[in-house]
Amino acid sequence: GLLWSVVQSWGGKLMTLLLFMVLARILDPHDLGVFAAASVVIAFIALFVEQGLSEAIVQRSEVSVAQLNTAFLINLCLAFGLLTALWFASPLVATAMNIPELESILRIAGLGLLVSAVSFTQLGMHRRNFNYRWIAMCSFSATVISGLVGVVLAYLGYGVWSLIVQMLLFTTLSGLLLWLRPQWAFSFDFDFKGTRPLFAYGMQRLGSNLLDFANNRYVEILLATTLGPVALGIYAVGIRVYQALMQALSSAILDVAHNGFSRLANDRPALIQAFYQSVTLTSAVAVPPFLLLATISTEATLALFGEKWIDSAEVMRPMAMLGALQVMQFYNVTSLNAIGRPGIGLNLMILKTVTTVGVLWFARNESLAFIAYTFALCQLVTTIPSFFLVQRVLGVSNMLVLKSVLPFLASAGVATGLVVAIRGWIVQLDTGAWLEMIALTAVWGSCYLCCTLLFARGKVIQTVRFVMNKKHA
């Protein structure tokens, strides 16, 4: 399950990033900014449609067909209602965000809510049954087809509408493919009373997801309403690689971790051991790319997106540094959710969201770069409390966690220092952004690999054995 989840995220997100690179070279910052504004609105509404039920289906030890039917029906009805509300509210949203073209865009893009509602329960059952191979194939196929269509439309001059069509086509194709191998068949056997536990867990996750949305996406709304869609477009490009890495390296593992941790919820020693192994694996493979990206953000921006997006480098740098720290703490809340304590994660998210929204509000009149750095710093306010709580509630030793990750962090630090030291010499060769990025990446990767084998050879062998052992996969 872990390996196929990684394939899904790596393959899908890499393809998405490649397609986005092509689209960024065709479209202008205004088009990308308008699409980013529409995406924020659609993503917000989608939270109420799903309500955390897909995750609740995975978390429950047992779930009946009647409960699945009920969850499906409720999702579908909510989607219809919210789509109707969006249709009438779109003029108000467009006026509030000062982007007139949003009115028609939101009405069309909202149709994807219905398709998603049809797929939520099926997706939850595929994850519950560890069918990550099929999920990976569905996601990748939908990404390739919809992405190619989007690129063609952008080349033909359809602007922001090429991105809207791409989004709708991806949602439709991925949903249809999931239903080709159904894990459950809808019937009119309902169990509204029996579904209450699903909704109780789902509502807690919904609250956490809403706070997470406000915490991560409020900055986009702020940029759209203060600095305009062009600034939002620059920001969207700047965080694109960060998002791809976060989802490919972290979300792939966390998706399986929640499922696996939930199965170990009643075996605390096994759960704690799985926690240690997961954090070690993530620190070895997930932290290094973020630190590398922060070091070569200018070269990466020029090579991947082109000169017109050079201002995005000032967004990419702080977000990459943030990602290096985030991936090491994400297992904290995941493990607490697995043992049925989502309320703790909710409280942590409240603290982070209040801090982020409040601080960004006071920084709303500052430059884009200042807002990006401020946002990154605000995201770290719950780092220390989350480690303290997972030690107190779960019984994890933070000293053991530190000993597990320290060799990999030290190796990454040495590699970063080396690249900073020789970067000026490589840039002076004036070989172009692509060759400069490749050269710096090769130096960083070689140094990290050598230092890791020197400082943490035993942990590398142990981690490889853990991944290769099918009993843990």
Protein backbone atom coordinates (compact mmCIF):
# COMPACT_ATOMS: atom_id res chain seq x y z
CA GLY A 1 0.00 0.00 0.00
CA LEU A 2 2.81 2.39 0.88
CA LEU A 3 4.65 1.75 -2.39
CA TRP A 4 1.57 2.24 -4.58
CA SER A 5 0.56 5.34 -2.65
CA VAL A 6 4.02 6.74 -3.34
CA VAL A 7 3.62 5.82 -7.02
CA GLN A 8 0.30 7.66 -7.08
CA SER A 9 1.71 10.81 -5.52
CA TRP A 10 5.08 10.78 -7.25
CA GLY A 11 3.70 9.88 -10.66
CA GLY A 12 0.61 12.05 -10.48
CA LYS A 13 2.23 15.08 -8.88
CA LEU A 14 5.30 14.91 -11.10
CA MET A 15 3.11 14.82 -14.19
CA THR A 16 0.96 17.63 -12.79
CA LEU A 17 4.06 19.71 -12.13
CA LEU A 18 5.40 19.11 -15.65
CA LEU A 19 2.09 20.12 -17.18
CA PHE A 20 1.92 23.18 -14.94
CA MET A 21 5.41 24.19 -16.09
CA VAL A 22 4.19 24.11 -19.69
CA LEU A 23 1.04 26.04 -18.84
CA ALA A 24 3.03 28.66 -16.88
CA ARG A 25 5.12 29.38 -19.99
CA ILE A 26 1.96 29.84 -22.09
CA LEU A 27 -0.32 31.71 -19.69
CA ASP A 28 0.30 35.02 -17.96
CA PRO A 29 0.21 35.79 -14.19
CA HIS A 30 -3.29 37.26 -14.44
CA ASP A 31 -4.79 34.04 -15.87
CA LEU A 32 -3.10 31.88 -13.24
CA GLY A 33 -4.16 34.30 -10.53
CA VAL A 34 -7.81 34.19 -11.57
CA PHE A 35 -7.72 30.39 -11.64
CA ALA A 36 -6.07 30.31 -8.21
CA ALA A 37 -8.85 32.53 -6.83
CA ALA A 38 -11.52 30.22 -8.28
CA SER A 39 -9.72 27.17 -6.90
CA VAL A 40 -9.78 28.62 -3.39
CA VAL A 41 -13.55 29.08 -3.51
CA ILE A 42 -14.22 25.61 -4.97
CA ALA A 43 -11.89 23.94 -2.47
CA PHE A 44 -13.69 25.65 0.41
CA ILE A 45 -17.10 24.43 -0.70
CA ALA A 46 -15.77 20.92 -1.36
CA LEU A 47 -14.91 20.58 2.33
CA PHE A 48 -18.60 20.76 3.24
CA VAL A 49 -19.53 18.25 0.58
CA GLU A 50 -17.08 15.60 1.77
CA GLN A 51 -17.37 16.39 5.53
CA GLY A 52 -14.47 14.12 6.42
CA LEU A 53 -16.59 11.04 5.69
CA SER A 54 -14.03 9.46 3.38
CA GLU A 55 -11.45 9.47 6.17
CA ALA A 56 -14.06 8.28 8.66
CA ILE A 57 -14.74 5.24 6.46
CA VAL A 58 -11.04 4.37 6.62
CA GLN A 59 -10.76 4.97 10.37
CA ARG A 60 -13.73 2.83 11.49
CA SER A 61 -12.95 -0.80 12.36
CA GLU A 62 -16.20 -1.92 10.70
CA VAL A 63 -18.51 -0.23 8.21
CA SER A 64 -21.73 -1.65 6.71
CA VAL A 65 -23.19 -1.32 3.23
CA ALA A 66 -26.14 0.61 4.67
CA GLN A 67 -23.78 3.13 6.25
CA LEU A 68 -21.98 3.58 2.94
CA ASN A 69 -25.27 4.12 1.14
CA THR A 70 -26.26 6.76 3.68
CA ALA A 71 -22.94 8.58 3.44
CA PHE A 72 -23.18 8.56 -0.36
CA LEU A 73 -26.71 9.98 -0.33
CA ILE A 74 -25.83 12.76 2.10
CA ASN A 75 -22.74 13.74 0.09
CA LEU A 76 -24.78 13.93 -3.10
CA CYS A 77 -27.59 16.01 -1.58
CA LEU A 78 -25.12 18.44 -0.05
CA ALA A 79 -23.35 18.80 -3.38
CA PHE A 80 -26.61 19.74 -5.12
CA GLY A 81 -27.50 22.26 -2.45
CA LEU A 82 -24.08 23.90 -2.32
CA LEU A 83 -23.80 24.05 -6.10
CA THR A 84 -27.12 25.88 -6.21
CA ALA A 85 -25.96 28.30 -3.52
CA LEU A 86 -22.72 28.91 -5.42
CA TRP A 87 -24.63 29.71 -8.61
CA PHE A 88 -26.48 32.58 -6.93
CA ALA A 89 -23.57 33.72 -4.73
CA SER A 90 -20.93 33.85 -7.48
CA PRO A 91 -21.60 37.55 -8.35
CA LEU A 92 -21.07 38.49 -4.70
CA VAL A 93 -17.85 36.47 -4.52
CA ALA A 94 -16.54 38.06 -7.73
CA THR A 95 -17.28 41.53 -6.36
CA ALA A 96 -15.71 40.80 -2.96
CA MET A 97 -12.50 39.54 -4.58
CA ASN A 98 -12.55 42.33 -7.19
CA ILE A 99 -12.26 39.82 -10.06
CA PRO A 100 -15.32 40.25 -12.32
CA GLU A 101 -14.64 37.17 -14.50
CA LEU A 102 -14.99 34.93 -11.45
CA GLU A 103 -18.78 34.97 -11.71
CA SER A 104 -19.02 32.76 -14.79
CA ILE A 105 -15.93 30.74 -13.90
CA LEU A 106 -17.28 29.69 -10.50
CA ARG A 107 -20.62 28.62 -11.96
CA ILE A 108 -18.92 26.25 -14.39
CA ALA A 109 -16.13 25.05 -12.11
CA GLY A 110 -18.69 24.24 -9.40
CA LEU A 111 -20.03 21.35 -11.50
CA GLY A 112 -17.02 19.36 -10.34
CA LEU A 113 -18.56 19.25 -6.85
CA LEU A 114 -21.23 16.84 -8.07
CA VAL A 115 -18.70 14.50 -9.64
CA SER A 116 -16.58 14.52 -6.49
CA ALA A 117 -19.62 13.75 -4.34
CA VAL A 118 -20.26 10.62 -6.39
CA SER A 119 -16.68 9.44 -5.86
CA PHE A 120 -15.97 10.19 -2.17
CA THR A 121 -17.39 6.98 -0.70
CA GLN A 122 -15.88 4.79 -3.41
CA LEU A 123 -12.48 6.38 -2.86
CA GLY A 124 -12.76 5.81 0.88
CA MET A 125 -13.43 2.10 0.36
CA HIS A 126 -10.52 1.75 -2.06
CA ARG A 127 -8.24 3.25 0.59
CA ARG A 128 -9.73 1.11 3.33
CA ASN A 129 -9.01 -2.01 1.28
CA PHE A 130 -5.47 -0.80 0.46
CA ASN A 131 -6.25 -0.67 -3.26
CA TYR A 132 -3.65 2.04 -3.77
CA ARG A 133 -2.48 0.50 -7.01
CA TRP A 134 -5.83 1.17 -8.67
CA ILE A 135 -6.07 4.63 -7.09
CA ALA A 136 -2.63 5.40 -8.52
CA MET A 137 -3.63 4.25 -12.00
CA CYS A 138 -6.87 6.25 -11.91
CA SER A 139 -5.20 9.42 -10.72
CA PHE A 140 -2.28 9.21 -13.12
CA SER A 141 -4.47 8.47 -16.15
CA ALA A 142 -6.83 11.33 -15.35
CA THR A 143 -3.87 13.67 -14.79
CA VAL A 144 -2.26 12.89 -18.14
CA ILE A 145 -5.43 13.14 -20.22
CA SER A 146 -6.83 16.26 -18.56
CA GLY A 147 -3.40 17.91 -18.52
CA LEU A 148 -2.81 17.40 -22.22
CA VAL A 149 -6.24 18.81 -23.01
CA GLY A 150 -5.49 21.84 -20.82
CA VAL A 151 -2.17 22.48 -22.56
CA VAL A 152 -3.79 22.30 -26.00
CA LEU A 153 -6.55 24.70 -24.99
CA ALA A 154 -4.04 27.11 -23.46
CA TYR A 155 -1.96 27.04 -26.64
CA LEU A 156 -5.10 27.82 -28.66
CA GLY A 157 -5.65 30.93 -26.55
CA TYR A 158 -8.42 29.93 -24.13
CA GLY A 159 -6.54 31.39 -21.17
CA VAL A 160 -7.98 30.68 -17.74
CA TRP A 161 -10.72 28.49 -19.24
CA SER A 162 -8.12 25.94 -20.27
CA LEU A 163 -7.37 25.42 -16.58
CA ILE A 164 -11.06 25.16 -15.68
CA VAL A 165 -11.62 22.49 -18.34
CA GLN A 166 -8.55 20.62 -17.13
CA MET A 167 -9.84 20.63 -13.54
CA LEU A 168 -13.32 19.41 -14.50
CA LEU A 169 -11.97 16.72 -16.81
CA PHE A 170 -9.59 15.40 -14.14
CA THR A 171 -12.40 15.15 -11.57
CA THR A 172 -14.70 13.38 -14.02
CA LEU A 173 -12.15 10.89 -15.34
CA SER A 174 -10.76 9.94 -11.93
CA GLY A 175 -14.29 9.40 -10.60
CA LEU A 176 -15.33 7.24 -13.54
CA LEU A 177 -12.21 5.10 -13.27
CA LEU A 178 -12.78 4.50 -9.55
CA TRP A 179 -16.26 3.21 -10.32
CA LEU A 180 -14.89 0.76 -12.90
CA ARG A 181 -13.74 -1.38 -9.96
CA PRO A 182 -16.33 -0.61 -7.28
CA GLN A 183 -15.66 -1.67 -3.70
CA TRP A 184 -19.29 -1.23 -2.85
CA ALA A 185 -22.53 -1.04 -4.86
CA PHE A 186 -25.19 1.54 -4.02
CA SER A 187 -28.59 0.29 -2.88
CA PHE A 188 -31.58 1.80 -1.10
CA ASP A 189 -30.68 0.16 2.20
CA PHE A 190 -29.98 3.08 4.55
CA ASP A 191 -28.87 3.27 8.16
CA PHE A 192 -29.02 6.87 9.33
CA LYS A 193 -28.68 5.94 12.99
CA GLY A 194 -25.69 3.69 12.36
CA THR A 195 -24.01 6.43 10.35
CA ARG A 196 -23.87 8.77 13.34
CA PRO A 197 -20.43 7.51 14.47
CA LEU A 198 -19.11 8.22 10.97
CA PHE A 199 -20.51 11.73 11.11
CA ALA A 200 -19.23 12.29 14.66
CA TYR A 201 -15.69 11.52 13.52
CA GLY A 202 -16.20 13.26 10.19
CA MET A 203 -17.47 16.47 11.79
CA GLN A 204 -14.38 16.67 13.96
CA ARG A 205 -12.23 16.20 10.88
CA LEU A 206 -14.35 18.77 9.04
CA GLY A 207 -13.66 21.32 11.74
CA SER A 208 -9.97 20.56 11.53
CA ASN A 209 -10.05 20.70 7.72
CA LEU A 210 -11.81 24.06 7.78
CA LEU A 211 -9.17 25.44 10.09
CA ASP A 212 -6.47 23.94 7.92
CA PHE A 213 -8.06 25.60 4.91
CA ALA A 214 -8.15 28.97 6.64
CA ASN A 215 -4.58 28.46 7.80
CA ASN A 216 -3.19 27.55 4.36
CA ARG A 217 -5.48 29.30 1.89
CA TYR A 218 -6.33 32.55 3.66
CA VAL A 219 -3.08 34.00 2.32
CA GLU A 220 -4.36 33.44 -1.23
CA ILE A 221 -7.60 35.27 -0.51
CA LEU A 222 -5.61 38.08 1.10
CA LEU A 223 -3.35 38.41 -1.95
CA ALA A 224 -6.28 38.38 -4.38
CA THR A 225 -8.17 41.11 -2.52
CA THR A 226 -5.18 43.34 -1.70
CA LEU A 227 -2.40 42.89 -4.27
CA GLY A 228 -4.60 41.53 -7.07
CA PRO A 229 -4.69 38.41 -9.28
CA VAL A 230 -1.22 39.04 -10.75
CA ALA A 231 0.39 38.81 -7.30
CA LEU A 232 -1.70 35.74 -6.58
CA GLY A 233 -0.48 34.20 -9.84
CA ILE A 234 3.16 34.83 -8.86
CA TYR A 235 2.48 33.30 -5.46
CA ALA A 236 0.77 30.28 -7.05
CA VAL A 237 3.87 29.58 -9.16
CA GLY A 238 6.16 30.12 -6.17
CA ILE A 239 4.43 27.52 -4.03
CA ARG A 240 3.86 25.01 -6.83
CA VAL A 241 7.02 22.96 -6.34
CA TYR A 242 6.56 23.11 -2.56
CA GLN A 243 3.04 21.75 -2.92
CA ALA A 244 4.14 19.01 -5.32
CA LEU A 245 6.92 17.90 -2.99
CA MET A 246 4.70 18.06 0.08
CA GLN A 247 2.04 15.92 -1.52
CA ALA A 248 4.40 13.50 -3.23
CA LEU A 249 6.80 12.96 -0.32
CA SER A 250 4.57 13.50 2.69
CA SER A 251 0.95 12.96 1.73
CA ALA A 252 1.78 9.66 -0.01
CA ILE A 253 3.16 8.25 3.22
CA LEU A 254 0.58 9.88 5.50
CA ASP A 255 -2.28 8.50 3.43
CA VAL A 256 -1.15 4.96 4.23
CA ALA A 257 0.07 5.90 7.72
CA HIS A 258 -3.42 6.94 8.83
CA ASN A 259 -4.80 3.62 7.60
CA GLY A 260 -1.95 1.58 9.10
CA PHE A 261 -1.83 3.53 12.39
CA SER A 262 -5.58 3.04 12.76
CA ARG A 263 -5.13 -0.73 12.53
CA LEU A 264 -2.49 -0.55 15.30
CA ALA A 265 -4.53 1.74 17.55
CA ASN A 266 -5.10 -1.04 20.11
CA ASP A 267 -1.47 -2.20 20.07
CA ARG A 268 0.37 0.78 21.55
CA PRO A 269 3.96 -0.66 21.41
CA ALA A 270 3.52 -1.58 17.74
CA LEU A 271 2.03 1.85 16.99
CA ILE A 272 4.93 3.64 18.69
CA GLN A 273 7.46 1.54 16.78
CA ALA A 274 5.67 2.31 13.51
CA PHE A 275 5.78 5.99 14.45
CA TYR A 276 9.57 5.91 14.93
CA GLN A 277 10.14 4.07 11.67
CA SER A 278 7.84 6.41 9.74
CA VAL A 279 9.51 9.58 11.07
CA THR A 280 12.96 8.18 10.30
CA LEU A 281 11.97 7.26 6.76
CA THR A 282 10.39 10.64 6.13
CA SER A 283 13.34 12.61 7.51
CA ALA A 284 15.70 10.61 5.28
CA VAL A 285 13.82 11.11 2.01
CA ALA A 286 11.47 14.09 2.48
CA VAL A 287 13.53 16.75 4.24
CA PRO A 288 16.48 16.84 1.77
CA PRO A 289 14.51 17.92 -1.34
CA PHE A 290 13.00 20.86 0.51
CA LEU A 291 16.37 22.10 1.77
CA LEU A 292 17.83 21.70 -1.71
CA LEU A 293 14.93 23.66 -3.22
CA ALA A 294 15.39 26.49 -0.73
CA THR A 295 19.07 26.71 -1.68
CA ILE A 296 18.54 26.83 -5.46
CA SER A 297 15.16 28.59 -5.59
CA THR A 298 16.34 31.23 -8.09
CA GLU A 299 17.81 28.71 -10.53
CA ALA A 300 14.81 26.41 -10.10
CA THR A 301 12.34 29.21 -10.85
CA LEU A 302 14.18 30.31 -13.98
CA ALA A 303 14.66 26.77 -15.26
CA LEU A 304 11.18 25.42 -14.53
CA PHE A 305 8.94 28.41 -15.22
CA GLY A 306 10.89 31.02 -17.15
CA GLU A 307 12.17 34.56 -16.59
CA LYS A 308 8.74 36.16 -16.34
CA TRP A 309 8.23 34.30 -13.04
CA ILE A 310 11.52 35.33 -11.39
CA ASP A 311 9.63 37.08 -8.56
CA SER A 312 8.22 33.66 -7.59
CA ALA A 313 11.67 32.67 -6.28
CA GLU A 314 11.09 34.90 -3.23
CA VAL A 315 8.02 32.81 -2.47
CA MET A 316 9.61 29.44 -3.26
CA ARG A 317 12.50 29.94 -0.81
CA PRO A 318 10.58 30.40 2.49
CA MET A 319 7.99 27.79 1.52
CA ALA A 320 10.73 25.21 0.86
CA MET A 321 12.31 25.89 4.25
CA LEU A 322 8.88 25.53 5.82
CA GLY A 323 8.33 22.20 4.10
CA ALA A 324 11.56 20.78 5.53
CA LEU A 325 10.22 21.34 9.03
CA GLN A 326 6.61 20.41 8.34
CA VAL A 327 7.26 16.91 7.05
CA MET A 328 8.91 15.91 10.33
CA GLN A 329 5.89 16.82 12.45
CA PHE A 330 2.97 15.62 10.33
CA TYR A 331 2.98 12.15 11.92
CA ASN A 332 2.14 13.73 15.27
CA VAL A 333 -1.45 14.61 14.42
CA THR A 334 -1.85 11.54 12.17
CA SER A 335 -1.04 9.17 15.03
CA LEU A 336 -3.40 11.00 17.38
CA ASN A 337 -6.20 10.83 14.82
CA ALA A 338 -5.57 7.10 14.42
CA ILE A 339 -6.23 6.42 18.12
CA GLY A 340 -9.46 8.40 17.95
CA ARG A 341 -8.19 11.72 19.33
CA PRO A 342 -8.82 14.16 16.46
CA GLY A 343 -9.76 16.84 18.97
CA ILE A 344 -6.10 17.38 19.85
CA GLY A 345 -5.22 18.10 16.25
CA LEU A 346 -8.21 20.41 16.10
CA ASN A 347 -6.95 22.47 19.04
CA LEU A 348 -3.48 22.73 17.51
CA MET A 349 -4.99 23.84 14.24
CA ILE A 350 -7.05 26.51 16.02
CA LEU A 351 -3.87 27.93 17.53
CA LYS A 352 -2.05 27.92 14.20
CA THR A 353 -4.98 29.37 12.26
CA VAL A 354 -5.65 32.21 14.69
CA THR A 355 -1.96 33.12 14.65
CA THR A 356 -1.67 32.96 10.85
CA VAL A 357 -4.85 34.88 10.05
CA GLY A 358 -4.16 37.53 12.68
CA VAL A 359 -0.53 38.15 11.75
CA LEU A 360 -1.22 38.15 8.00
CA TRP A 361 -4.01 40.66 8.48
CA PHE A 362 -1.55 43.13 9.98
CA ALA A 363 0.92 42.38 7.16
CA ARG A 364 -1.66 42.77 4.38
CA ASN A 365 -0.18 46.01 3.06
CA GLU A 366 3.36 44.64 2.81
CA SER A 367 5.13 43.18 -0.24
CA LEU A 368 4.52 39.71 -1.60
CA ALA A 369 7.90 38.44 -0.35
CA PHE A 370 7.28 39.79 3.15
CA ILE A 371 3.86 38.10 3.28
CA ALA A 372 5.37 34.80 2.09
CA TYR A 373 8.05 34.79 4.84
CA THR A 374 5.49 35.86 7.46
CA PHE A 375 3.14 33.06 6.43
CA ALA A 376 5.94 30.47 6.64
CA LEU A 377 6.91 31.57 10.15
CA CYS A 378 3.31 31.46 11.37
CA GLN A 379 3.04 27.81 10.28
CA LEU A 380 5.66 26.78 12.86
CA VAL A 381 3.79 28.03 15.93
CA THR A 382 2.49 24.52 16.79
CA THR A 383 5.69 22.57 16.11
CA ILE A 384 6.90 22.30 19.72
CA PRO A 385 3.40 21.76 21.24
CA SER A 386 2.64 18.94 18.78
CA PHE A 387 5.77 17.00 19.75
CA PHE A 388 5.01 17.53 23.43
CA LEU A 389 1.44 16.25 23.05
CA VAL A 390 2.37 13.16 21.05
CA GLN A 391 4.86 12.26 23.78
CA ARG A 392 2.31 12.78 26.53
CA VAL A 393 -0.69 11.10 24.87
CA LEU A 394 0.93 8.41 22.71
CA GLY A 395 4.02 7.68 24.80
CA VAL A 396 6.55 8.51 22.11
CA SER A 397 10.02 9.56 23.30
CA ASN A 398 11.07 12.78 21.63
CA MET A 399 14.68 12.03 22.49
CA LEU A 400 14.49 8.85 20.41
CA VAL A 401 12.84 10.80 17.61
CA LEU A 402 15.65 13.37 17.72
CA LYS A 403 18.31 10.65 17.65
CA SER A 404 16.60 9.08 14.64
CA VAL A 405 16.42 12.22 12.52
CA LEU A 406 19.55 14.10 13.61
CA PRO A 407 22.01 12.22 11.33
CA PHE A 408 19.89 12.96 8.27
CA LEU A 409 19.47 16.61 9.23
CA ALA A 410 23.20 16.96 9.76
CA SER A 411 23.89 15.42 6.35
CA ALA A 412 21.43 17.80 4.70
CA GLY A 413 23.01 20.75 6.49
CA VAL A 414 26.49 19.86 5.26
CA ALA A 415 25.19 19.45 1.70
CA THR A 416 23.44 22.82 1.84
CA GLY A 417 26.58 24.53 3.14
CA LEU A 418 28.65 23.07 0.31
CA VAL A 419 26.21 24.27 -2.36
CA VAL A 420 26.12 27.77 -0.87
CA ALA A 421 29.94 27.83 -0.88
CA ILE A 422 30.37 26.85 -4.55
CA ARG A 423 27.20 28.39 -5.96
CA GLY A 424 28.87 31.65 -7.01
CA TRP A 425 31.57 29.80 -8.96
CA ILE A 426 29.01 27.71 -10.87
CA VAL A 427 26.84 30.74 -11.66
CA GLN A 428 29.90 32.55 -13.06
CA LEU A 429 30.23 29.86 -15.72
CA ASP A 430 27.02 31.30 -17.24
CA THR A 431 25.81 27.94 -18.57
CA GLY A 432 22.11 28.78 -18.24
CA ALA A 433 19.52 28.16 -15.55
CA TRP A 434 18.91 24.50 -16.43
CA LEU A 435 22.57 23.46 -16.29
CA GLU A 436 23.14 25.52 -13.16
CA MET A 437 20.19 23.86 -11.44
CA ILE A 438 21.33 20.39 -12.50
CA ALA A 439 24.92 21.02 -11.39
CA LEU A 440 23.91 22.36 -7.98
CA THR A 441 21.47 19.51 -7.50
CA ALA A 442 24.15 16.95 -8.36
CA VAL A 443 26.60 18.49 -5.89
CA TRP A 444 23.98 18.63 -3.15
CA GLY A 445 22.74 15.09 -3.74
CA SER A 446 26.23 13.58 -3.87
CA CYS A 447 27.27 15.33 -0.67
CA TYR A 448 24.08 14.30 1.14
CA LEU A 449 24.46 10.67 0.09
CA CYS A 450 28.10 10.51 1.23
CA CYS A 451 27.36 12.19 4.56
CA THR A 452 24.36 9.95 5.19
CA LEU A 453 26.41 6.81 4.61
CA LEU A 454 29.03 8.26 6.93
CA PHE A 455 26.79 9.51 9.73
CA ALA A 456 23.80 7.15 9.55
CA ARG A 457 24.79 3.96 7.76
CA GLY A 458 23.03 1.78 10.33
CA LYS A 459 19.80 3.75 10.17
CA VAL A 460 19.84 3.68 6.36
CA ILE A 461 20.09 -0.12 6.38
CA GLN A 462 17.38 -0.39 9.03
CA THR A 463 15.07 1.93 7.08
CA VAL A 464 15.59 0.03 3.83
CA ARG A 465 14.78 -3.25 5.56
CA PHE A 466 11.65 -1.69 7.04
CA VAL A 467 10.42 -0.56 3.61
CA MET A 468 11.28 -3.88 1.93
CA ASN A 469 9.62 -5.99 4.64
CA LYS A 470 6.18 -6.86 3.26
CA LYS A 471 4.80 -7.36 6.76
CA HIS A 472 5.02 -3.58 7.24
CA ALA A 473 3.94 -2.52 3.74
